[in-house]
């Protein structure tokens, strides 16, 4: 398990935890007057998508319209894929070929 995200609100953190598939754990830590909730889980594209991270929802919508992309959409796709390349490297994931 790895740290997937951090939340300031307990309800948001509990909701996010409920979205994860596989092993998961929510841990809190206090910093003077505030509490931070760290969400640990299995790093996977499905979990990141469920948490609405890394523009995966936007990528999904872009891929539905792939045959009709304009220059702006093509540029946005390249930006998202570049970000996902970093995420893939950090979490030892492979980017699915149909996303490229």
N, C-alpha and C. Protein backbone atom coordinates (compact mmCIF):
# COMPACT_ATOMS: atom_id res chain seq x y z
N UNK A 1 0.84 -1.18 0.00
CA UNK A 1 0.00 0.00 0.00
C UNK A 1 0.88 1.24 0.00
N UNK A 2 0.40 2.24 -0.71
CA UNK A 2 1.11 3.51 -0.79
C UNK A 2 0.13 4.64 -0.50
N UNK A 3 0.68 5.78 -0.14
CA UNK A 3 -0.13 6.96 0.07
C UNK A 3 -0.70 7.39 -1.28
N UNK A 4 -2.02 7.45 -1.39
CA UNK A 4 -2.67 7.83 -2.64
C UNK A 4 -3.12 9.28 -2.63
N UNK A 5 -3.60 9.75 -1.48
CA UNK A 5 -4.10 11.11 -1.41
C UNK A 5 -4.21 11.55 0.04
N UNK A 6 -4.33 12.84 0.24
CA UNK A 6 -4.47 13.43 1.57
C UNK A 6 -5.71 14.32 1.58
N UNK A 7 -6.44 14.28 2.67
CA UNK A 7 -7.68 15.03 2.80
C UNK A 7 -7.68 15.83 4.09
N UNK A 8 -8.37 16.95 4.08
CA UNK A 8 -8.53 17.77 5.27
C UNK A 8 -9.85 17.50 5.98
N UNK A 9 -10.80 16.92 5.26
CA UNK A 9 -12.12 16.67 5.81
C UNK A 9 -12.32 15.16 6.02
N UNK A 10 -12.76 14.78 7.20
CA UNK A 10 -12.94 13.36 7.53
C UNK A 10 -13.97 12.69 6.63
N UNK A 11 -15.09 13.35 6.37
CA UNK A 11 -16.13 12.76 5.53
C UNK A 11 -15.64 12.54 4.10
N UNK A 12 -14.89 13.50 3.57
CA UNK A 12 -14.31 13.34 2.22
C UNK A 12 -13.34 12.16 2.20
N UNK A 13 -12.55 12.03 3.24
CA UNK A 13 -11.57 10.94 3.32
C UNK A 13 -12.28 9.59 3.40
N UNK A 14 -13.31 9.50 4.23
CA UNK A 14 -14.06 8.23 4.36
C UNK A 14 -14.75 7.87 3.04
N UNK A 15 -15.29 8.86 2.35
CA UNK A 15 -15.93 8.60 1.06
C UNK A 15 -14.89 8.09 0.05
N UNK A 16 -13.75 8.76 0.00
CA UNK A 16 -12.68 8.34 -0.91
C UNK A 16 -12.24 6.91 -0.59
N UNK A 17 -12.13 6.60 0.68
CA UNK A 17 -11.74 5.25 1.09
C UNK A 17 -12.75 4.22 0.57
N UNK A 18 -14.02 4.57 0.59
CA UNK A 18 -15.06 3.64 0.13
C UNK A 18 -14.98 3.38 -1.37
N UNK A 19 -14.33 4.27 -2.12
CA UNK A 19 -14.21 4.12 -3.57
C UNK A 19 -13.08 3.18 -3.99
N UNK A 20 -12.16 2.93 -3.08
CA UNK A 20 -10.99 2.14 -3.44
C UNK A 20 -11.29 0.65 -3.55
N UNK A 21 -10.54 0.01 -4.43
CA UNK A 21 -10.61 -1.44 -4.62
C UNK A 21 -9.30 -2.01 -4.08
N UNK A 22 -9.39 -3.12 -3.36
CA UNK A 22 -8.18 -3.75 -2.81
C UNK A 22 -7.91 -3.26 -1.41
N UNK A 23 -6.67 -3.46 -0.98
CA UNK A 23 -6.28 -3.05 0.36
C UNK A 23 -6.37 -1.54 0.49
N UNK A 24 -6.81 -1.09 1.67
CA UNK A 24 -6.92 0.34 1.90
C UNK A 24 -6.84 0.61 3.39
N UNK A 25 -6.42 1.84 3.71
CA UNK A 25 -6.32 2.24 5.11
C UNK A 25 -6.36 3.75 5.17
N UNK A 26 -7.08 4.26 6.13
CA UNK A 26 -7.16 5.69 6.36
C UNK A 26 -6.48 5.99 7.69
N UNK A 27 -5.50 6.88 7.67
CA UNK A 27 -4.77 7.24 8.88
C UNK A 27 -4.85 8.74 9.08
N UNK A 28 -5.01 9.14 10.32
CA UNK A 28 -5.08 10.58 10.60
C UNK A 28 -3.85 11.02 11.37
N UNK A 29 -3.52 12.29 11.20
CA UNK A 29 -2.44 12.88 11.97
C UNK A 29 -2.81 14.31 12.30
N UNK A 30 -2.47 14.70 13.51
CA UNK A 30 -2.77 16.06 13.98
C UNK A 30 -1.55 16.95 13.79
N UNK A 31 -1.86 18.18 13.39
CA UNK A 31 -0.82 19.19 13.26
C UNK A 31 -1.34 20.45 13.95
N UNK A 32 -0.98 20.64 15.20
CA UNK A 32 -1.47 21.74 16.03
C UNK A 32 -3.00 21.71 16.13
N UNK A 33 -3.67 22.50 15.31
CA UNK A 33 -5.13 22.62 15.43
C UNK A 33 -5.90 21.88 14.35
N UNK A 34 -5.23 21.27 13.40
CA UNK A 34 -5.94 20.60 12.31
C UNK A 34 -5.56 19.12 12.23
N UNK A 35 -6.46 18.38 11.65
CA UNK A 35 -6.22 16.95 11.44
C UNK A 35 -6.17 16.70 9.93
N UNK A 36 -5.21 15.91 9.51
CA UNK A 36 -5.06 15.53 8.11
C UNK A 36 -5.29 14.04 8.00
N UNK A 37 -6.00 13.63 6.96
CA UNK A 37 -6.32 12.22 6.75
C UNK A 37 -5.56 11.72 5.53
N UNK A 38 -4.72 10.72 5.75
CA UNK A 38 -3.93 10.13 4.69
C UNK A 38 -4.60 8.84 4.23
N UNK A 39 -4.85 8.75 2.94
CA UNK A 39 -5.49 7.58 2.36
C UNK A 39 -4.44 6.70 1.69
N UNK A 40 -4.30 5.50 2.22
CA UNK A 40 -3.36 4.53 1.67
C UNK A 40 -4.15 3.46 0.93
N UNK A 41 -3.58 2.97 -0.15
CA UNK A 41 -4.24 1.91 -0.90
C UNK A 41 -3.34 1.37 -1.98
N UNK A 42 -3.91 0.50 -2.78
CA UNK A 42 -3.19 -0.09 -3.90
C UNK A 42 -3.18 0.91 -5.05
N UNK A 43 -2.00 1.32 -5.51
CA UNK A 43 -1.96 2.23 -6.64
C UNK A 43 -2.35 1.49 -7.92
N UNK A 44 -3.45 1.89 -8.50
CA UNK A 44 -3.91 1.30 -9.76
C UNK A 44 -4.66 2.38 -10.53
N UNK A 45 -4.72 2.21 -11.84
CA UNK A 45 -5.46 3.19 -12.65
C UNK A 45 -6.93 3.23 -12.23
N UNK A 46 -7.48 2.09 -11.88
CA UNK A 46 -8.88 2.05 -11.45
C UNK A 46 -9.09 2.88 -10.18
N UNK A 47 -8.20 2.70 -9.21
CA UNK A 47 -8.33 3.47 -7.98
C UNK A 47 -8.13 4.97 -8.24
N UNK A 48 -7.15 5.32 -9.06
CA UNK A 48 -6.94 6.73 -9.37
C UNK A 48 -8.15 7.32 -10.10
N UNK A 49 -8.74 6.54 -11.00
CA UNK A 49 -9.94 7.00 -11.70
C UNK A 49 -11.10 7.17 -10.72
N UNK A 50 -11.28 6.20 -9.83
CA UNK A 50 -12.36 6.29 -8.85
C UNK A 50 -12.21 7.51 -7.95
N UNK A 51 -10.97 7.91 -7.68
CA UNK A 51 -10.70 9.08 -6.85
C UNK A 51 -10.69 10.38 -7.65
N UNK A 52 -10.94 10.27 -8.96
CA UNK A 52 -10.96 11.44 -9.86
C UNK A 52 -9.62 12.17 -9.86
N UNK A 53 -8.55 11.39 -9.96
CA UNK A 53 -7.21 11.95 -9.94
C UNK A 53 -6.59 11.92 -11.34
N UNK A 54 -5.61 12.79 -11.53
CA UNK A 54 -4.74 12.80 -12.70
C UNK A 54 -5.48 12.96 -14.02
N UNK A 55 -6.60 13.64 -14.03
CA UNK A 55 -7.37 13.92 -15.25
C UNK A 55 -7.81 12.65 -15.99
N UNK A 56 -7.97 11.55 -15.27
CA UNK A 56 -8.37 10.31 -15.93
C UNK A 56 -9.79 10.37 -16.48
N UNK A 57 -10.67 11.12 -15.83
CA UNK A 57 -12.03 11.27 -16.37
C UNK A 57 -12.00 12.07 -17.67
N UNK A 58 -11.18 13.10 -17.70
CA UNK A 58 -11.04 13.91 -18.92
C UNK A 58 -10.43 13.06 -20.04
N UNK A 59 -9.45 12.25 -19.70
CA UNK A 59 -8.86 11.36 -20.70
C UNK A 59 -9.90 10.40 -21.26
N UNK A 60 -10.73 9.87 -20.40
CA UNK A 60 -11.79 8.95 -20.84
C UNK A 60 -12.71 9.63 -21.85
N UNK A 61 -13.09 10.87 -21.57
CA UNK A 61 -13.96 11.61 -22.49
C UNK A 61 -13.23 11.92 -23.80
N UNK A 62 -11.97 12.29 -23.71
CA UNK A 62 -11.19 12.55 -24.92
C UNK A 62 -11.10 11.32 -25.81
N UNK A 63 -10.85 10.17 -25.20
CA UNK A 63 -10.68 8.95 -25.98
C UNK A 63 -11.96 8.53 -26.69
N UNK A 64 -13.10 8.89 -26.14
CA UNK A 64 -14.38 8.59 -26.80
C UNK A 64 -14.50 9.34 -28.13
N UNK A 65 -13.84 10.50 -28.22
CA UNK A 65 -13.93 11.36 -29.41
C UNK A 65 -12.65 11.38 -30.23
N UNK A 66 -11.81 10.39 -30.02
CA UNK A 66 -10.47 10.39 -30.60
C UNK A 66 -10.45 10.67 -32.11
N UNK A 67 -11.40 10.16 -32.85
CA UNK A 67 -11.39 10.33 -34.31
C UNK A 67 -11.72 11.75 -34.75
N UNK A 68 -12.20 12.57 -33.85
CA UNK A 68 -12.60 13.93 -34.23
C UNK A 68 -11.82 15.00 -33.47
N UNK A 69 -10.66 14.65 -32.93
CA UNK A 69 -9.88 15.62 -32.16
C UNK A 69 -9.46 16.80 -33.00
N UNK A 70 -9.51 17.97 -32.35
CA UNK A 70 -8.91 19.15 -32.95
C UNK A 70 -7.54 19.36 -32.29
N UNK A 71 -6.87 20.44 -32.64
CA UNK A 71 -5.52 20.67 -32.13
C UNK A 71 -5.50 20.82 -30.60
N UNK A 72 -6.51 21.48 -30.05
CA UNK A 72 -6.58 21.68 -28.61
C UNK A 72 -6.75 20.36 -27.88
N UNK A 73 -7.61 19.50 -28.39
CA UNK A 73 -7.83 18.19 -27.76
C UNK A 73 -6.59 17.31 -27.87
N UNK A 74 -5.92 17.38 -29.00
CA UNK A 74 -4.69 16.61 -29.18
C UNK A 74 -3.62 17.08 -28.19
N UNK A 75 -3.51 18.39 -28.00
CA UNK A 75 -2.55 18.94 -27.05
C UNK A 75 -2.89 18.50 -25.62
N UNK A 76 -4.16 18.55 -25.26
CA UNK A 76 -4.59 18.15 -23.93
C UNK A 76 -4.28 16.67 -23.69
N UNK A 77 -4.51 15.83 -24.70
CA UNK A 77 -4.19 14.41 -24.59
C UNK A 77 -2.71 14.21 -24.30
N UNK A 78 -1.87 14.91 -25.02
CA UNK A 78 -0.42 14.79 -24.82
C UNK A 78 -0.02 15.23 -23.41
N UNK A 79 -0.65 16.29 -22.89
CA UNK A 79 -0.35 16.76 -21.53
C UNK A 79 -0.74 15.70 -20.49
N UNK A 80 -1.92 15.11 -20.67
CA UNK A 80 -2.39 14.10 -19.72
C UNK A 80 -1.48 12.88 -19.76
N UNK A 81 -1.12 12.43 -20.96
CA UNK A 81 -0.26 11.26 -21.10
C UNK A 81 1.12 11.53 -20.49
N UNK A 82 1.62 12.75 -20.64
CA UNK A 82 2.91 13.10 -20.03
C UNK A 82 2.82 12.98 -18.50
N UNK A 83 1.74 13.51 -17.92
CA UNK A 83 1.53 13.39 -16.48
C UNK A 83 1.41 11.93 -16.07
N UNK A 84 0.65 11.16 -16.82
CA UNK A 84 0.45 9.75 -16.49
C UNK A 84 1.75 8.96 -16.59
N UNK A 85 2.65 9.40 -17.46
CA UNK A 85 3.96 8.76 -17.56
C UNK A 85 4.73 8.89 -16.25
N UNK A 86 4.65 10.06 -15.64
CA UNK A 86 5.31 10.29 -14.35
C UNK A 86 4.66 9.44 -13.27
N UNK A 87 3.32 9.43 -13.26
CA UNK A 87 2.58 8.65 -12.26
C UNK A 87 2.90 7.16 -12.43
N UNK A 88 2.92 6.70 -13.67
CA UNK A 88 3.22 5.28 -13.95
C UNK A 88 4.60 4.91 -13.43
N UNK A 89 5.56 5.77 -13.65
CA UNK A 89 6.92 5.50 -13.18
C UNK A 89 6.98 5.46 -11.65
N UNK A 90 6.32 6.42 -11.01
CA UNK A 90 6.34 6.51 -9.55
C UNK A 90 5.64 5.33 -8.87
N UNK A 91 4.63 4.78 -9.53
CA UNK A 91 3.84 3.69 -8.92
C UNK A 91 4.04 2.35 -9.61
N UNK A 92 5.03 2.27 -10.49
CA UNK A 92 5.36 1.03 -11.20
C UNK A 92 4.13 0.47 -11.92
N UNK A 93 3.46 1.34 -12.69
CA UNK A 93 2.31 0.96 -13.50
C UNK A 93 2.66 1.12 -14.97
N UNK A 94 1.91 0.44 -15.80
CA UNK A 94 2.06 0.59 -17.25
C UNK A 94 0.84 1.36 -17.76
N UNK A 95 1.09 2.29 -18.66
CA UNK A 95 -0.02 3.00 -19.28
C UNK A 95 -0.63 2.07 -20.34
N UNK A 96 -1.93 1.84 -20.26
CA UNK A 96 -2.57 0.97 -21.27
C UNK A 96 -2.35 1.52 -22.68
N UNK A 97 -1.99 0.66 -23.62
CA UNK A 97 -1.68 1.11 -24.98
C UNK A 97 -2.83 1.87 -25.66
N UNK A 98 -4.06 1.52 -25.34
CA UNK A 98 -5.19 2.20 -25.99
C UNK A 98 -5.39 3.63 -25.48
N UNK A 99 -4.64 4.04 -24.46
CA UNK A 99 -4.69 5.42 -24.00
C UNK A 99 -3.73 6.30 -24.80
N UNK A 100 -2.74 5.68 -25.43
CA UNK A 100 -1.67 6.44 -26.11
C UNK A 100 -2.10 6.93 -27.48
